[in-house]
PDB file of all heavy atoms in Angstrom:
ATOM      1  N   ASP A   1     -12.116  79.646 -26.190  1.00  0.00           N
ATOM      2  CA  ASP A   1     -12.769  79.954 -27.502  1.00  0.00           C
ATOM      3  C   ASP A   1     -14.263  80.290 -27.373  1.00  0.00           C
ATOM      4  O   ASP A   1     -14.728  81.124 -28.046  1.00  0.00           O
ATOM      5  CB  ASP A   1     -12.674  78.698 -28.421  1.00  0.00           C
ATOM      6  CG  ASP A   1     -11.262  78.492 -28.900  1.00  0.00           C
ATOM      7  OD1 ASP A   1     -10.427  79.435 -28.743  1.00  0.00           O
ATOM      8  OD2 ASP A   1     -10.874  77.302 -29.341  1.00  0.00           O
ATOM      9  N   GLY A   2     -14.922  79.677 -26.383  1.00  0.00           N
ATOM     10  CA  GLY A   2     -16.348  79.872 -26.293  1.00  0.00           C
ATOM     11  C   GLY A   2     -16.650  81.331 -25.846  1.00  0.00           C
ATOM     12  O   GLY A   2     -17.773  81.791 -26.143  1.00  0.00           O
ATOM     13  N   ASP A   3     -15.758  81.935 -25.084  1.00  0.00           N
ATOM     14  CA  ASP A   3     -16.013  83.245 -24.651  1.00  0.00           C
ATOM     15  C   ASP A   3     -16.196  84.264 -25.796  1.00  0.00           C
ATOM     16  O   ASP A   3     -16.888  85.333 -25.607  1.00  0.00           O
ATOM     17  CB  ASP A   3     -14.873  83.778 -23.689  1.00  0.00           C
ATOM     18  CG  ASP A   3     -14.767  82.985 -22.438  1.00  0.00           C
ATOM     19  OD1 ASP A   3     -15.738  82.302 -22.081  1.00  0.00           O
ATOM     20  OD2 ASP A   3     -13.677  83.052 -21.749  1.00  0.00           O
ATOM     21  N   LEU A   4     -15.545  84.001 -26.814  1.00  0.00           N
ATOM     22  CA  LEU A   4     -15.671  85.018 -27.970  1.00  0.00           C
ATOM     23  C   LEU A   4     -17.098  84.998 -28.526  1.00  0.00           C
ATOM     24  O   LEU A   4     -17.508  86.034 -29.186  1.00  0.00           O
ATOM     25  CB  LEU A   4     -14.708  84.548 -29.066  1.00  0.00           C
ATOM     26  CG  LEU A   4     -14.421  85.507 -30.227  1.00  0.00           C
ATOM     27  CD1 LEU A   4     -13.784  86.817 -29.771  1.00  0.00           C
ATOM     28  CD2 LEU A   4     -13.518  84.921 -31.306  1.00  0.00           C
ATOM     29  N   TYR A   5     -17.882  84.025 -28.293  1.00  0.00           N
ATOM     30  CA  TYR A   5     -19.227  83.901 -28.798  1.00  0.00           C
ATOM     31  C   TYR A   5     -20.294  84.214 -27.673  1.00  0.00           C
ATOM     32  O   TYR A   5     -21.487  84.249 -28.008  1.00  0.00           O
ATOM     33  CB  TYR A   5     -19.469  82.538 -29.438  1.00  0.00           C
ATOM     34  CG  TYR A   5     -18.588  82.184 -30.595  1.00  0.00           C
ATOM     35  CD1 TYR A   5     -17.266  81.685 -30.335  1.00  0.00           C
ATOM     36  CD2 TYR A   5     -18.976  82.453 -31.917  1.00  0.00           C
ATOM     37  CE1 TYR A   5     -16.524  81.429 -31.376  1.00  0.00           C
ATOM     38  CE2 TYR A   5     -18.096  82.214 -32.917  1.00  0.00           C
ATOM     39  CZ  TYR A   5     -16.895  81.666 -32.696  1.00  0.00           C
ATOM     40  OH  TYR A   5     -16.084  81.387 -33.748  1.00  0.00           O
ATOM     41  N   ALA A   6     -19.858  84.540 -26.558  1.00  0.00           N
ATOM     42  CA  ALA A   6     -20.813  84.670 -25.408  1.00  0.00           C
ATOM     43  C   ALA A   6     -21.744  85.853 -25.475  1.00  0.00           C
ATOM     44  O   ALA A   6     -22.979  85.737 -25.280  1.00  0.00           O
ATOM     45  CB  ALA A   6     -20.101  84.695 -24.124  1.00  0.00           C
ATOM     46  N   LEU A   7     -21.158  86.988 -25.912  1.00  0.00           N
ATOM     47  CA  LEU A   7     -21.958  88.176 -26.043  1.00  0.00           C
ATOM     48  C   LEU A   7     -23.034  88.094 -27.078  1.00  0.00           C
ATOM     49  O   LEU A   7     -24.259  88.400 -26.853  1.00  0.00           O
ATOM     50  CB  LEU A   7     -21.108  89.359 -26.284  1.00  0.00           C
ATOM     51  CG  LEU A   7     -21.770  90.717 -26.437  1.00  0.00           C
ATOM     52  CD1 LEU A   7     -22.582  91.063 -25.210  1.00  0.00           C
ATOM     53  CD2 LEU A   7     -20.777  91.822 -26.678  1.00  0.00           C
ATOM     54  N   GLU A   8     -22.710  87.536 -28.264  1.00  0.00           N
ATOM     55  CA  GLU A   8     -23.653  87.324 -29.289  1.00  0.00           C
ATOM     56  C   GLU A   8     -24.728  86.297 -28.922  1.00  0.00           C
ATOM     57  O   GLU A   8     -25.962  86.518 -29.101  1.00  0.00           O
ATOM     58  CB  GLU A   8     -22.974  86.841 -30.537  1.00  0.00           C
ATOM     59  CG  GLU A   8     -22.116  87.833 -31.327  1.00  0.00           C
ATOM     60  CD  GLU A   8     -21.204  87.181 -32.279  1.00  0.00           C
ATOM     61  OE1 GLU A   8     -21.623  86.861 -33.385  1.00  0.00           O
ATOM     62  OE2 GLU A   8     -19.964  87.081 -31.901  1.00  0.00           O
ATOM     63  N   ALA A   9     -24.353  85.315 -28.192  1.00  0.00           N
ATOM     64  CA  ALA A   9     -25.320  84.314 -27.719  1.00  0.00           C
ATOM     65  C   ALA A   9     -26.224  84.889 -26.727  1.00  0.00           C
ATOM     66  O   ALA A   9     -27.560  84.687 -26.793  1.00  0.00           O
ATOM     67  CB  ALA A   9     -24.613  83.074 -27.147  1.00  0.00           C
ATOM     68  N   ALA A  10     -25.814  85.741 -25.792  1.00  0.00           N
ATOM     69  CA  ALA A  10     -26.624  86.367 -24.883  1.00  0.00           C
ATOM     70  C   ALA A  10     -27.651  87.301 -25.502  1.00  0.00           C
ATOM     71  O   ALA A  10     -28.822  87.346 -25.129  1.00  0.00           O
ATOM     72  CB  ALA A  10     -25.718  87.115 -23.862  1.00  0.00           C
ATOM     73  N   LEU A  11     -27.195  87.976 -26.490  1.00  0.00           N
ATOM     74  CA  LEU A  11     -28.155  88.944 -27.254  1.00  0.00           C
ATOM     75  C   LEU A  11     -29.208  88.145 -27.943  1.00  0.00           C
ATOM     76  O   LEU A  11     -30.344  88.517 -27.985  1.00  0.00           O
ATOM     77  CB  LEU A  11     -27.319  89.831 -28.191  1.00  0.00           C
ATOM     78  CG  LEU A  11     -26.470  90.867 -27.542  1.00  0.00           C
ATOM     79  CD1 LEU A  11     -25.524  91.545 -28.535  1.00  0.00           C
ATOM     80  CD2 LEU A  11     -27.288  91.982 -26.848  1.00  0.00           C
ATOM     81  N   ALA A  12     -28.766  87.076 -28.598  1.00  0.00           N
ATOM     82  CA  ALA A  12     -29.732  86.176 -29.322  1.00  0.00           C
ATOM     83  C   ALA A  12     -30.760  85.600 -28.437  1.00  0.00           C
ATOM     84  O   ALA A  12     -31.920  85.549 -28.801  1.00  0.00           O
ATOM     85  CB  ALA A  12     -28.936  85.104 -30.140  1.00  0.00           C
ATOM     86  N   ARG A  13     -30.280  85.097 -27.249  1.00  0.00           N
ATOM     87  CA  ARG A  13     -31.278  84.541 -26.276  1.00  0.00           C
ATOM     88  C   ARG A  13     -32.299  85.600 -25.874  1.00  0.00           C
ATOM     89  O   ARG A  13     -33.451  85.178 -25.497  1.00  0.00           O
ATOM     90  CB  ARG A  13     -30.555  84.036 -25.070  1.00  0.00           C
ATOM     91  CG  ARG A  13     -29.732  82.776 -25.276  1.00  0.00           C
ATOM     92  CD  ARG A  13     -29.407  82.119 -23.945  1.00  0.00           C
ATOM     93  NE  ARG A  13     -28.511  83.002 -23.191  1.00  0.00           N
ATOM     94  CZ  ARG A  13     -27.161  82.999 -23.186  1.00  0.00           C
ATOM     95  NH1 ARG A  13     -26.548  82.088 -24.109  1.00  0.00           N
ATOM     96  NH2 ARG A  13     -26.455  83.770 -22.421  1.00  0.00           N
ATOM     97  N   ARG A  14     -31.999  86.820 -25.971  1.00  0.00           N
ATOM     98  CA  ARG A  14     -33.026  87.931 -25.594  1.00  0.00           C
ATOM     99  C   ARG A  14     -33.727  88.382 -26.785  1.00  0.00           C
ATOM    100  O   ARG A  14     -34.446  89.410 -26.758  1.00  0.00           O
ATOM    101  CB  ARG A  14     -32.241  89.069 -24.947  1.00  0.00           C
ATOM    102  CG  ARG A  14     -31.762  88.760 -23.480  1.00  0.00           C
ATOM    103  CD  ARG A  14     -30.670  89.697 -23.006  1.00  0.00           C
ATOM    104  NE  ARG A  14     -30.294  89.440 -21.661  1.00  0.00           N
ATOM    105  CZ  ARG A  14     -29.605  88.409 -21.197  1.00  0.00           C
ATOM    106  NH1 ARG A  14     -29.067  87.491 -22.156  1.00  0.00           N
ATOM    107  NH2 ARG A  14     -29.284  88.240 -19.952  1.00  0.00           N
ATOM    108  N   GLY A  15     -33.687  87.664 -27.911  1.00  0.00           N
ATOM    109  CA  GLY A  15     -34.444  88.005 -29.040  1.00  0.00           C
ATOM    110  C   GLY A  15     -33.854  89.138 -29.916  1.00  0.00           C
ATOM    111  O   GLY A  15     -34.587  89.671 -30.712  1.00  0.00           O
ATOM    112  N   LEU A  16     -32.612  89.400 -29.746  1.00  0.00           N
ATOM    113  CA  LEU A  16     -31.939  90.526 -30.444  1.00  0.00           C
ATOM    114  C   LEU A  16     -31.164  90.025 -31.668  1.00  0.00           C
ATOM    115  O   LEU A  16     -30.417  90.857 -32.220  1.00  0.00           O
ATOM    116  CB  LEU A  16     -31.103  91.374 -29.411  1.00  0.00           C
ATOM    117  CG  LEU A  16     -31.859  92.091 -28.328  1.00  0.00           C
ATOM    118  CD1 LEU A  16     -30.977  92.652 -27.312  1.00  0.00           C
ATOM    119  CD2 LEU A  16     -32.805  93.120 -28.876  1.00  0.00           C
ATOM    120  N   GLY A  17     -31.228  88.844 -32.050  1.00  0.00           N
ATOM    121  CA  GLY A  17     -30.404  88.352 -33.228  1.00  0.00           C
ATOM    122  C   GLY A  17     -31.154  88.624 -34.457  1.00  0.00           C
ATOM    123  O   GLY A  17     -32.339  88.983 -34.457  1.00  0.00           O
ATOM    124  N   PRO A  18     -30.426  88.373 -35.617  1.00  0.00           N
ATOM    125  CA  PRO A  18     -29.069  88.129 -35.671  1.00  0.00           C
ATOM    126  C   PRO A  18     -28.243  89.319 -35.279  1.00  0.00           C
ATOM    127  O   PRO A  18     -28.616  90.423 -35.442  1.00  0.00           O
ATOM    128  CB  PRO A  18     -28.813  87.650 -37.172  1.00  0.00           C
ATOM    129  CG  PRO A  18     -29.863  88.483 -37.851  1.00  0.00           C
ATOM    130  CD  PRO A  18     -31.068  88.488 -36.913  1.00  0.00           C
ATOM    131  N   VAL A  19     -26.973  89.010 -34.755  1.00  0.00           N
ATOM    132  CA  VAL A  19     -26.104  90.087 -34.320  1.00  0.00           C
ATOM    133  C   VAL A  19     -25.033  90.215 -35.311  1.00  0.00           C
ATOM    134  O   VAL A  19     -24.350  89.390 -35.774  1.00  0.00           O
ATOM    135  CB  VAL A  19     -25.505  89.627 -32.957  1.00  0.00           C
ATOM    136  CG1 VAL A  19     -24.577  90.860 -32.480  1.00  0.00           C
ATOM    137  CG2 VAL A  19     -26.595  89.455 -31.886  1.00  0.00           C
ATOM    138  N   ALA A  20     -24.863  91.547 -35.776  1.00  0.00           N
ATOM    139  CA  ALA A  20     -23.838  91.884 -36.656  1.00  0.00           C
ATOM    140  C   ALA A  20     -22.637  92.527 -35.918  1.00  0.00           C
ATOM    141  O   ALA A  20     -22.852  93.178 -34.901  1.00  0.00           O
ATOM    142  CB  ALA A  20     -24.379  92.903 -37.687  1.00  0.00           C
ATOM    143  N   GLY A  21     -21.514  92.293 -36.449  1.00  0.00           N
ATOM    144  CA  GLY A  21     -20.279  92.966 -36.003  1.00  0.00           C
ATOM    145  C   GLY A  21     -19.749  93.877 -37.106  1.00  0.00           C
ATOM    146  O   GLY A  21     -19.837  93.565 -38.215  1.00  0.00           O
ATOM    147  N   ALA A  22     -19.156  95.012 -36.634  1.00  0.00           N
ATOM    148  CA  ALA A  22     -18.535  95.966 -37.663  1.00  0.00           C
ATOM    149  C   ALA A  22     -17.172  96.428 -37.188  1.00  0.00           C
ATOM    150  O   ALA A  22     -17.004  96.679 -35.957  1.00  0.00           O
ATOM    151  CB  ALA A  22     -19.469  97.130 -37.905  1.00  0.00           C
ATOM    152  N   ASP A  23     -16.234  96.449 -38.082  1.00  0.00           N
ATOM    153  CA  ASP A  23     -14.910  96.977 -37.756  1.00  0.00           C
ATOM    154  C   ASP A  23     -14.215  97.498 -39.008  1.00  0.00           C
ATOM    155  O   ASP A  23     -14.752  97.344 -40.027  1.00  0.00           O
ATOM    156  CB  ASP A  23     -14.071  95.744 -37.195  1.00  0.00           C
ATOM    157  CG  ASP A  23     -12.837  96.219 -36.380  1.00  0.00           C
ATOM    158  OD1 ASP A  23     -12.701  97.473 -36.222  1.00  0.00           O
ATOM    159  OD2 ASP A  23     -12.094  95.368 -35.924  1.00  0.00           O
ATOM    160  N   GLU A  24     -13.115  98.180 -38.800  1.00  0.00           N
ATOM    161  CA  GLU A  24     -12.390  98.791 -39.886  1.00  0.00           C
ATOM    162  C   GLU A  24     -10.979  98.417 -40.032  1.00  0.00           C
ATOM    163  O   GLU A  24     -10.493  97.858 -39.077  1.00  0.00           O
ATOM    164  CB  GLU A  24     -12.532 100.333 -39.819  1.00  0.00           C
ATOM    165  CG  GLU A  24     -12.050 100.924 -38.538  1.00  0.00           C
ATOM    166  CD  GLU A  24     -10.588 100.990 -38.356  1.00  0.00           C
ATOM    167  OE1 GLU A  24      -9.855 101.066 -39.451  1.00  0.00           O
ATOM    168  OE2 GLU A  24     -10.121 101.029 -37.271  1.00  0.00           O
ATOM    169  N   ALA A  25     -10.344  98.717 -41.135  1.00  0.00           N
ATOM    170  CA  ALA A  25      -8.937  98.638 -41.326  1.00  0.00           C
ATOM    171  C   ALA A  25      -8.431  99.769 -42.112  1.00  0.00           C
ATOM    172  O   ALA A  25      -9.029 100.227 -43.043  1.00  0.00           O
ATOM    173  CB  ALA A  25      -8.600  97.244 -42.013  1.00  0.00           C
ATOM    174  N   GLY A  26      -7.309 100.314 -41.714  1.00  0.00           N
ATOM    175  CA  GLY A  26      -6.634 101.385 -42.436  1.00  0.00           C
ATOM    176  C   GLY A  26      -6.953 102.819 -41.839  1.00  0.00           C
ATOM    177  O   GLY A  26      -6.529 103.796 -42.455  1.00  0.00           O
ATOM    178  N   ARG A  27      -7.578 102.891 -40.708  1.00  0.00           N
ATOM    179  CA  ARG A  27      -7.784 104.158 -40.132  1.00  0.00           C
ATOM    180  C   ARG A  27      -6.447 104.913 -39.838  1.00  0.00           C
ATOM    181  O   ARG A  27      -6.349 106.170 -40.094  1.00  0.00           O
ATOM    182  CB  ARG A  27      -8.706 104.076 -38.905  1.00  0.00           C
ATOM    183  CG  ARG A  27      -8.881 105.425 -38.204  1.00  0.00           C
ATOM    184  CD  ARG A  27      -9.818 105.277 -37.023  1.00  0.00           C
ATOM    185  NE  ARG A  27     -10.032 106.594 -36.351  1.00  0.00           N
ATOM    186  CZ  ARG A  27     -11.147 106.936 -35.832  1.00  0.00           C
ATOM    187  NH1 ARG A  27     -12.155 106.180 -35.875  1.00  0.00           N
ATOM    188  NH2 ARG A  27     -11.247 108.131 -35.193  1.00  0.00           N
ATOM    189  N   GLY A  28      -5.472 104.169 -39.376  1.00  0.00           N
ATOM    190  CA  GLY A  28      -4.274 104.867 -38.991  1.00  0.00           C
ATOM    191  C   GLY A  28      -3.236 104.945 -40.088  1.00  0.00           C
ATOM    192  O   GLY A  28      -2.121 105.451 -39.896  1.00  0.00           O
ATOM    193  N   ALA A  29      -3.497 104.425 -41.290  1.00  0.00           N
ATOM    194  CA  ALA A  29      -2.571 104.457 -42.392  1.00  0.00           C
ATOM    195  C   ALA A  29      -2.595 105.875 -43.056  1.00  0.00           C
ATOM    196  O   ALA A  29      -3.622 106.586 -42.838  1.00  0.00           O
ATOM    197  CB  ALA A  29      -2.989 103.456 -43.490  1.00  0.00           C
TER     198      ALA A  29
END
């Protein structure tokens, strides 16, 4: 479970937070 948060945590430690994620649904419909 912790691995899912590792990339965001690494970016935040480098002063790049807050980190946003973006994704879509329905592209293939």
